[in-house]
């Protein structure tokens, strides 16, 4: 059996300066967990996290980087690799985030609206991009999960892989924030269909889910990591235990 260590990425979703979680991506079903994002970032760093998954929910709705100043504070105070998404829809926004110290940017909407966008970017910039494939019932969503596209998940995966991007985050929107467990069959189907590195998100609820994803990672070496959000904030998963389990 292959010992494929997964990266456990704690999630911080930012809205109106707060750390929040949405239920199934619905902005009108929000739970606020903290008004101090830096304190939360330090908590996850102290628990052993090496990478932090930050989504600017305000940016996802407006198409602009709204909470970059908060992200900068986290970068300056914490020894963490930051992957940032939400509102990054241009080359200029990518460069602004990278210049602020973001390790990798997460993009979705522009990728699937503009077939020529990725082709216009340099190889160096592409290495700093993770494409987020957010889906519901097998169909890709964009604009902060508010609009359904015409693409299936596997069609989107093919577009991204052909562009030269190496990593995707795949989120089942219907599972996200529900604490009902990840969509294992979706993840397996994607892993068997691509050579790209895949980070799985949506529904992680117990340490058994982490164990399940670790076992899948031992079969599919391109499962690169998992993202855990609500389960950490609700105390359903202990981050230290999850990191130890995934390694």
C-alpha atoms as a PDB file:
ATOM      1  CA  UNK A   1       0.000   0.000   0.000  1.00  0.00           C
ATOM      2  CA  UNK A   2       1.267   3.478  -0.888  1.00  0.00           C
ATOM      3  CA  UNK A   3       1.707   5.841   2.055  1.00  0.00           C
ATOM      4  CA  UNK A   4       0.414   9.075   0.540  1.00  0.00           C
ATOM      5  CA  UNK A   5       0.449  11.818   3.168  1.00  0.00           C
ATOM      6  CA  UNK A   6      -2.486  14.195   2.763  1.00  0.00           C
ATOM      7  CA  UNK A   7      -2.309  17.878   3.597  1.00  0.00           C
ATOM      8  CA  UNK A   8      -5.031  18.855   6.055  1.00  0.00           C
ATOM      9  CA  UNK A   9      -6.119  22.393   5.232  1.00  0.00           C
ATOM     10  CA  UNK A  10      -8.191  24.186   7.892  1.00  0.00           C
ATOM     11  CA  UNK A  11     -10.591  26.661   6.297  1.00  0.00           C
ATOM     12  CA  UNK A  12     -11.274  30.270   7.161  1.00  0.00           C
ATOM     13  CA  UNK A  13     -14.188  31.846   5.314  1.00  0.00           C
ATOM     14  CA  UNK A  14     -14.294  35.630   5.638  1.00  0.00           C
ATOM     15  CA  UNK A  15     -17.426  37.750   5.461  1.00  0.00           C
ATOM     16  CA  UNK A  16     -17.825  41.269   6.808  1.00  0.00           C
ATOM     17  CA  UNK A  17     -14.547  40.833   8.676  1.00  0.00           C
ATOM     18  CA  UNK A  18     -15.767  37.739  10.519  1.00  0.00           C
ATOM     19  CA  UNK A  19     -14.888  34.050  10.345  1.00  0.00           C
ATOM     20  CA  UNK A  20     -18.071  32.331   9.171  1.00  0.00           C
ATOM     21  CA  UNK A  21     -19.377  29.122   7.705  1.00  0.00           C
ATOM     22  CA  UNK A  22     -22.239  28.851   5.246  1.00  0.00           C
ATOM     23  CA  UNK A  23     -24.683  25.964   4.979  1.00  0.00           C
ATOM     24  CA  UNK A  24     -24.535  24.499   1.450  1.00  0.00           C
ATOM     25  CA  UNK A  25     -22.999  27.765   0.249  1.00  0.00           C
ATOM     26  CA  UNK A  26     -26.116  29.788   1.093  1.00  0.00           C
ATOM     27  CA  UNK A  27     -25.309  33.324   2.183  1.00  0.00           C
ATOM     28  CA  UNK A  28     -28.557  33.596   4.144  1.00  0.00           C
ATOM     29  CA  UNK A  29     -27.581  30.556   6.235  1.00  0.00           C
ATOM     30  CA  UNK A  30     -24.442  31.860   7.898  1.00  0.00           C
ATOM     31  CA  UNK A  31     -22.923  31.059  11.269  1.00  0.00           C
ATOM     32  CA  UNK A  32     -20.382  33.500  12.699  1.00  0.00           C
ATOM     33  CA  UNK A  33     -17.617  31.766  14.676  1.00  0.00           C
ATOM     34  CA  UNK A  34     -15.264  34.647  15.386  1.00  0.00           C
ATOM     35  CA  UNK A  35     -14.731  38.355  14.801  1.00  0.00           C
ATOM     36  CA  UNK A  36     -10.955  37.826  14.983  1.00  0.00           C
ATOM     37  CA  UNK A  37      -9.642  35.945  11.910  1.00  0.00           C
ATOM     38  CA  UNK A  38      -6.010  36.349  13.021  1.00  0.00           C
ATOM     39  CA  UNK A  39      -6.724  34.626  16.333  1.00  0.00           C
ATOM     40  CA  UNK A  40      -8.317  31.707  14.473  1.00  0.00           C
ATOM     41  CA  UNK A  41      -5.362  31.467  12.066  1.00  0.00           C
ATOM     42  CA  UNK A  42      -2.951  31.385  15.006  1.00  0.00           C
ATOM     43  CA  UNK A  43      -5.054  28.655  16.627  1.00  0.00           C
ATOM     44  CA  UNK A  44      -4.808  26.428  13.546  1.00  0.00           C
ATOM     45  CA  UNK A  45      -1.087  27.152  13.193  1.00  0.00           C
ATOM     46  CA  UNK A  46      -0.498  26.191  16.836  1.00  0.00           C
ATOM     47  CA  UNK A  47      -2.394  22.943  16.202  1.00  0.00           C
ATOM     48  CA  UNK A  48       0.106  22.014  13.497  1.00  0.00           C
ATOM     49  CA  UNK A  49      -1.389  23.329  10.260  1.00  0.00           C
ATOM     50  CA  UNK A  50       1.080  24.244   7.529  1.00  0.00           C
ATOM     51  CA  UNK A  51      -1.434  25.516   4.970  1.00  0.00           C
ATOM     52  CA  UNK A  52      -4.512  27.679   5.500  1.00  0.00           C
ATOM     53  CA  UNK A  53      -7.421  27.720   3.069  1.00  0.00           C
ATOM     54  CA  UNK A  54      -8.970  31.202   3.073  1.00  0.00           C
ATOM     55  CA  UNK A  55     -12.046  32.181   1.077  1.00  0.00           C
ATOM     56  CA  UNK A  56     -13.115  35.820   0.773  1.00  0.00           C
ATOM     57  CA  UNK A  57     -16.876  35.352   0.571  1.00  0.00           C
ATOM     58  CA  UNK A  58     -17.444  39.064   0.033  1.00  0.00           C
ATOM     59  CA  UNK A  59     -15.004  38.890  -2.855  1.00  0.00           C
ATOM     60  CA  UNK A  60     -16.734  35.860  -4.316  1.00  0.00           C
ATOM     61  CA  UNK A  61     -19.966  37.848  -4.553  1.00  0.00           C
ATOM     62  CA  UNK A  62     -18.479  41.122  -5.791  1.00  0.00           C
ATOM     63  CA  UNK A  63     -15.668  39.854  -8.020  1.00  0.00           C
ATOM     64  CA  UNK A  64     -13.078  41.897  -6.129  1.00  0.00           C
ATOM     65  CA  UNK A  65     -10.606  41.142  -3.312  1.00  0.00           C
ATOM     66  CA  UNK A  66     -12.493  42.647  -0.372  1.00  0.00           C
ATOM     67  CA  UNK A  67     -10.697  41.143   2.631  1.00  0.00           C
ATOM     68  CA  UNK A  68      -7.071  41.209   1.452  1.00  0.00           C
ATOM     69  CA  UNK A  69      -5.995  43.424   4.366  1.00  0.00           C
ATOM     70  CA  UNK A  70      -7.138  40.733   6.817  1.00  0.00           C
ATOM     71  CA  UNK A  71      -5.247  38.130   4.823  1.00  0.00           C
ATOM     72  CA  UNK A  72      -2.106  40.298   4.927  1.00  0.00           C
ATOM     73  CA  UNK A  73      -2.317  40.462   8.726  1.00  0.00           C
ATOM     74  CA  UNK A  74      -2.464  36.671   8.871  1.00  0.00           C
ATOM     75  CA  UNK A  75       0.469  36.327   6.459  1.00  0.00           C
ATOM     76  CA  UNK A  76       2.589  38.750   8.479  1.00  0.00           C
ATOM     77  CA  UNK A  77       1.825  37.097  11.821  1.00  0.00           C
ATOM     78  CA  UNK A  78       1.700  33.388  10.966  1.00  0.00           C
ATOM     79  CA  UNK A  79       4.147  30.894   9.512  1.00  0.00           C
ATOM     80  CA  UNK A  80       1.553  29.411   7.178  1.00  0.00           C
ATOM     81  CA  UNK A  81       1.195  28.927   3.437  1.00  0.00           C
ATOM     82  CA  UNK A  82      -1.971  30.742   2.444  1.00  0.00           C
ATOM     83  CA  UNK A  83      -4.173  29.619  -0.421  1.00  0.00           C
ATOM     84  CA  UNK A  84      -6.714  32.368  -1.095  1.00  0.00           C
ATOM     85  CA  UNK A  85      -9.874  32.374  -3.161  1.00  0.00           C
ATOM     86  CA  UNK A  86     -12.900  34.581  -3.675  1.00  0.00           C
ATOM     87  CA  UNK A  87     -13.028  37.447  -6.149  1.00  0.00           C
ATOM     88  CA  UNK A  88      -9.781  36.662  -7.960  1.00  0.00           C
ATOM     89  CA  UNK A  89     -10.839  37.022 -11.583  1.00  0.00           C
ATOM     90  CA  UNK A  90      -7.991  38.803 -13.382  1.00  0.00           C
ATOM     91  CA  UNK A  91      -4.245  38.634 -13.888  1.00  0.00           C
ATOM     92  CA  UNK A  92      -3.948  41.825 -11.857  1.00  0.00           C
ATOM     93  CA  UNK A  93      -5.829  40.287  -8.923  1.00  0.00           C
ATOM     94  CA  UNK A  94      -3.597  37.194  -9.051  1.00  0.00           C
ATOM     95  CA  UNK A  95      -0.500  39.378  -8.936  1.00  0.00           C
ATOM     96  CA  UNK A  96      -1.929  41.547  -6.148  1.00  0.00           C
ATOM     97  CA  UNK A  97      -2.569  38.488  -3.990  1.00  0.00           C
ATOM     98  CA  UNK A  98       0.855  36.986  -4.691  1.00  0.00           C
ATOM     99  CA  UNK A  99       2.575  40.308  -3.985  1.00  0.00           C
ATOM    100  CA  UNK A 100       0.730  40.375  -0.643  1.00  0.00           C
ATOM    101  CA  UNK A 101       2.367  37.061   0.248  1.00  0.00           C
ATOM    102  CA  UNK A 102      -0.318  34.573  -0.766  1.00  0.00           C
ATOM    103  CA  UNK A 103       1.267  31.223  -1.661  1.00  0.00           C
ATOM    104  CA  UNK A 104      -1.370  30.126  -4.184  1.00  0.00           C
ATOM    105  CA  UNK A 105      -4.570  31.705  -5.460  1.00  0.00           C
ATOM    106  CA  UNK A 106      -7.819  29.853  -6.013  1.00  0.00           C
ATOM    107  CA  UNK A 107      -9.881  30.689  -9.091  1.00  0.00           C
ATOM    108  CA  UNK A 108     -13.138  29.461 -10.555  1.00  0.00           C
ATOM    109  CA  UNK A 109     -15.553  31.887 -12.201  1.00  0.00           C
ATOM    110  CA  UNK A 110     -13.169  33.497 -14.728  1.00  0.00           C
ATOM    111  CA  UNK A 111     -11.752  30.103 -15.700  1.00  0.00           C
ATOM    112  CA  UNK A 112     -15.094  28.791 -16.891  1.00  0.00           C
ATOM    113  CA  UNK A 113     -16.371  32.052 -18.360  1.00  0.00           C
ATOM    114  CA  UNK A 114     -13.328  32.813 -20.512  1.00  0.00           C
ATOM    115  CA  UNK A 115     -11.816  29.948 -22.488  1.00  0.00           C
ATOM    116  CA  UNK A 116      -8.726  32.014 -23.317  1.00  0.00           C
ATOM    117  CA  UNK A 117      -7.881  33.280 -19.839  1.00  0.00           C
ATOM    118  CA  UNK A 118      -5.587  30.485 -18.660  1.00  0.00           C
ATOM    119  CA  UNK A 119      -3.826  30.382 -22.014  1.00  0.00           C
ATOM    120  CA  UNK A 120      -2.965  34.075 -21.592  1.00  0.00           C
ATOM    121  CA  UNK A 121      -1.062  33.495 -18.344  1.00  0.00           C
ATOM    122  CA  UNK A 122       2.623  32.739 -17.974  1.00  0.00           C
ATOM    123  CA  UNK A 123       3.839  29.353 -16.813  1.00  0.00           C
ATOM    124  CA  UNK A 124       5.042  30.932 -13.569  1.00  0.00           C
ATOM    125  CA  UNK A 125       1.607  32.349 -12.774  1.00  0.00           C
ATOM    126  CA  UNK A 126      -0.100  29.067 -13.618  1.00  0.00           C
ATOM    127  CA  UNK A 127       2.063  27.345 -11.016  1.00  0.00           C
ATOM    128  CA  UNK A 128       0.512  29.642  -8.399  1.00  0.00           C
ATOM    129  CA  UNK A 129      -3.112  28.857  -9.345  1.00  0.00           C
ATOM    130  CA  UNK A 130      -5.463  26.262  -7.900  1.00  0.00           C
ATOM    131  CA  UNK A 131      -8.717  25.918  -9.824  1.00  0.00           C
ATOM    132  CA  UNK A 132     -11.796  25.442  -7.685  1.00  0.00           C
ATOM    133  CA  UNK A 133     -14.428  23.148  -9.143  1.00  0.00           C
ATOM    134  CA  UNK A 134     -17.555  23.664  -7.083  1.00  0.00           C
ATOM    135  CA  UNK A 135     -20.391  21.389  -8.059  1.00  0.00           C
ATOM    136  CA  UNK A 136     -23.954  20.475  -7.240  1.00  0.00           C
ATOM    137  CA  UNK A 137     -25.547  17.326  -8.633  1.00  0.00           C
ATOM    138  CA  UNK A 138     -22.488  16.886 -10.834  1.00  0.00           C
ATOM    139  CA  UNK A 139     -22.783  20.342 -12.435  1.00  0.00           C
ATOM    140  CA  UNK A 140     -20.228  23.119 -11.904  1.00  0.00           C
ATOM    141  CA  UNK A 141     -21.345  26.254 -10.023  1.00  0.00           C
ATOM    142  CA  UNK A 142     -19.695  29.682 -10.216  1.00  0.00           C
ATOM    143  CA  UNK A 143     -20.090  33.261  -8.943  1.00  0.00           C
ATOM    144  CA  UNK A 144     -19.758  32.245  -5.313  1.00  0.00           C
ATOM    145  CA  UNK A 145     -21.842  29.107  -5.860  1.00  0.00           C
ATOM    146  CA  UNK A 146     -24.812  31.256  -6.890  1.00  0.00           C
ATOM    147  CA  UNK A 147     -25.030  30.259 -10.566  1.00  0.00           C
ATOM    148  CA  UNK A 148     -25.136  26.921 -12.353  1.00  0.00           C
ATOM    149  CA  UNK A 149     -22.955  26.556 -15.445  1.00  0.00           C
ATOM    150  CA  UNK A 150     -23.462  24.175 -18.359  1.00  0.00           C
ATOM    151  CA  UNK A 151     -20.369  22.122 -17.470  1.00  0.00           C
ATOM    152  CA  UNK A 152     -20.255  18.745 -15.826  1.00  0.00           C
ATOM    153  CA  UNK A 153     -17.535  18.126 -13.248  1.00  0.00           C
ATOM    154  CA  UNK A 154     -15.566  15.870 -15.583  1.00  0.00           C
ATOM    155  CA  UNK A 155     -15.817  18.384 -18.443  1.00  0.00           C
ATOM    156  CA  UNK A 156     -14.431  21.052 -16.141  1.00  0.00           C
ATOM    157  CA  UNK A 157     -11.620  18.758 -14.984  1.00  0.00           C
ATOM    158  CA  UNK A 158     -10.636  18.156 -18.635  1.00  0.00           C
ATOM    159  CA  UNK A 159     -10.572  21.896 -19.398  1.00  0.00           C
ATOM    160  CA  UNK A 160      -8.351  22.609 -16.419  1.00  0.00           C
ATOM    161  CA  UNK A 161      -5.994  19.698 -17.036  1.00  0.00           C
ATOM    162  CA  UNK A 162      -5.554  20.648 -20.696  1.00  0.00           C
ATOM    163  CA  UNK A 163      -4.606  24.177 -19.622  1.00  0.00           C
ATOM    164  CA  UNK A 164      -1.567  22.973 -17.697  1.00  0.00           C
ATOM    165  CA  UNK A 165      -2.897  23.696 -14.202  1.00  0.00           C
ATOM    166  CA  UNK A 166      -1.669  21.055 -11.750  1.00  0.00           C
ATOM    167  CA  UNK A 167      -4.123  21.297  -8.817  1.00  0.00           C
ATOM    168  CA  UNK A 168      -7.891  21.489  -8.309  1.00  0.00           C
ATOM    169  CA  UNK A 169     -10.044  21.882  -5.236  1.00  0.00           C
ATOM    170  CA  UNK A 170     -13.270  19.924  -5.672  1.00  0.00           C
ATOM    171  CA  UNK A 171     -16.210  20.872  -3.470  1.00  0.00           C
ATOM    172  CA  UNK A 172     -19.614  19.243  -3.417  1.00  0.00           C
ATOM    173  CA  UNK A 173     -21.731  22.283  -2.562  1.00  0.00           C
ATOM    174  CA  UNK A 174     -24.611  20.084  -1.409  1.00  0.00           C
ATOM    175  CA  UNK A 175     -22.355  18.603   1.283  1.00  0.00           C
ATOM    176  CA  UNK A 176     -20.517  21.749   2.338  1.00  0.00           C
ATOM    177  CA  UNK A 177     -21.335  22.900   5.847  1.00  0.00           C
ATOM    178  CA  UNK A 178     -23.711  19.997   6.461  1.00  0.00           C
ATOM    179  CA  UNK A 179     -21.437  17.736   8.559  1.00  0.00           C
ATOM    180  CA  UNK A 180     -22.848  14.782   6.618  1.00  0.00           C
ATOM    181  CA  UNK A 181     -19.541  13.476   5.275  1.00  0.00           C
ATOM    182  CA  UNK A 182     -17.767  13.972   1.939  1.00  0.00           C
ATOM    183  CA  UNK A 183     -19.086  12.769  -1.421  1.00  0.00           C
ATOM    184  CA  UNK A 184     -16.695   9.834  -1.616  1.00  0.00           C
ATOM    185  CA  UNK A 185     -17.938   8.495  -4.948  1.00  0.00           C
ATOM    186  CA  UNK A 186     -17.537  11.895  -6.605  1.00  0.00           C
ATOM    187  CA  UNK A 187     -13.962  12.187  -5.347  1.00  0.00           C
ATOM    188  CA  UNK A 188     -13.072   8.657  -6.472  1.00  0.00           C
ATOM    189  CA  UNK A 189     -14.587   9.290  -9.902  1.00  0.00           C
ATOM    190  CA  UNK A 190     -12.549  12.456 -10.336  1.00  0.00           C
ATOM    191  CA  UNK A 191      -9.325  10.902  -9.057  1.00  0.00           C
ATOM    192  CA  UNK A 192      -9.630   8.053 -11.553  1.00  0.00           C
ATOM    193  CA  UNK A 193     -10.296  10.515 -14.389  1.00  0.00           C
ATOM    194  CA  UNK A 194      -7.315  12.859 -14.034  1.00  0.00           C
ATOM    195  CA  UNK A 195      -3.643  13.007 -13.151  1.00  0.00           C
ATOM    196  CA  UNK A 196      -3.986  16.421 -11.532  1.00  0.00           C
ATOM    197  CA  UNK A 197      -3.557  16.817  -7.792  1.00  0.00           C
ATOM    198  CA  UNK A 198      -6.985  16.973  -6.142  1.00  0.00           C
ATOM    199  CA  UNK A 199      -7.881  18.605  -2.846  1.00  0.00           C
ATOM    200  CA  UNK A 200     -11.239  17.372  -1.542  1.00  0.00           C
ATOM    201  CA  UNK A 201     -13.675  19.678   0.253  1.00  0.00           C
ATOM    202  CA  UNK A 202     -17.228  19.604   1.491  1.00  0.00           C
ATOM    203  CA  UNK A 203     -18.888  17.687   4.314  1.00  0.00           C
ATOM    204  CA  UNK A 204     -15.905  16.561   6.394  1.00  0.00           C
ATOM    205  CA  UNK A 205     -17.539  15.786   9.743  1.00  0.00           C
ATOM    206  CA  UNK A 206     -15.615  13.254  11.863  1.00  0.00           C
ATOM    207  CA  UNK A 207     -12.169  11.778  12.221  1.00  0.00           C
ATOM    208  CA  UNK A 208     -13.541   8.720  10.426  1.00  0.00           C
ATOM    209  CA  UNK A 209     -14.030  10.904   7.348  1.00  0.00           C
ATOM    210  CA  UNK A 210     -10.360  11.846   7.552  1.00  0.00           C
ATOM    211  CA  UNK A 211      -9.460   8.166   7.818  1.00  0.00           C
ATOM    212  CA  UNK A 212     -11.650   7.397   4.802  1.00  0.00           C
ATOM    213  CA  UNK A 213      -9.978  10.090   2.707  1.00  0.00           C
ATOM    214  CA  UNK A 214      -6.546   8.904   3.859  1.00  0.00           C
ATOM    215  CA  UNK A 215      -7.394   5.387   2.685  1.00  0.00           C
ATOM    216  CA  UNK A 216      -8.531   6.776  -0.670  1.00  0.00           C
ATOM    217  CA  UNK A 217      -5.258   8.686  -0.873  1.00  0.00           C
ATOM    218  CA  UNK A 218      -3.371   5.451  -0.410  1.00  0.00           C
ATOM    219  CA  UNK A 219      -5.095   4.131  -3.541  1.00  0.00           C
ATOM    220  CA  UNK A 220      -5.108   7.326  -5.610  1.00  0.00           C
ATOM    221  CA  UNK A 221      -1.798   9.129  -5.198  1.00  0.00           C
ATOM    222  CA  UNK A 222      -3.206  12.290  -6.783  1.00  0.00           C
ATOM    223  CA  UNK A 223      -5.428  12.948  -3.759  1.00  0.00           C
ATOM    224  CA  UNK A 224      -3.306  15.772  -2.397  1.00  0.00           C
ATOM    225  CA  UNK A 225      -5.287  16.996   0.581  1.00  0.00           C
ATOM    226  CA  UNK A 226      -8.557  17.688   2.358  1.00  0.00           C
ATOM    227  CA  UNK A 227     -10.191  20.890   3.529  1.00  0.00           C
ATOM    228  CA  UNK A 228     -11.952  20.941   6.884  1.00  0.00           C
ATOM    229  CA  UNK A 229     -14.153  23.816   7.967  1.00  0.00           C
ATOM    230  CA  UNK A 230     -17.292  23.573  10.047  1.00  0.00           C
ATOM    231  CA  UNK A 231     -16.244  20.343  11.791  1.00  0.00           C
ATOM    232  CA  UNK A 232     -13.278  22.182  13.315  1.00  0.00           C
ATOM    233  CA  UNK A 233     -15.385  25.092  14.506  1.00  0.00           C
ATOM    234  CA  UNK A 234     -18.051  22.805  15.951  1.00  0.00           C
ATOM    235  CA  UNK A 235     -15.456  20.636  17.728  1.00  0.00           C
ATOM    236  CA  UNK A 236     -16.359  17.535  15.698  1.00  0.00           C
ATOM    237  CA  UNK A 237     -12.761  17.084  14.492  1.00  0.00           C
ATOM    238  CA  UNK A 238      -9.581  17.857  16.412  1.00  0.00           C
ATOM    239  CA  UNK A 239      -7.072  19.374  13.979  1.00  0.00           C
ATOM    240  CA  UNK A 240      -4.000  17.788  15.601  1.00  0.00           C
ATOM    241  CA  UNK A 241      -5.631  14.364  15.420  1.00  0.00           C
ATOM    242  CA  UNK A 242      -6.651  14.922  11.786  1.00  0.00           C
ATOM    243  CA  UNK A 243      -3.122  15.922  10.789  1.00  0.00           C
ATOM    244  CA  UNK A 244      -1.662  12.874  12.544  1.00  0.00           C
ATOM    245  CA  UNK A 245      -4.249  10.617  10.923  1.00  0.00           C
ATOM    246  CA  UNK A 246      -3.552  11.951   7.430  1.00  0.00           C
ATOM    247  CA  UNK A 247       0.185  11.462   7.794  1.00  0.00           C
END
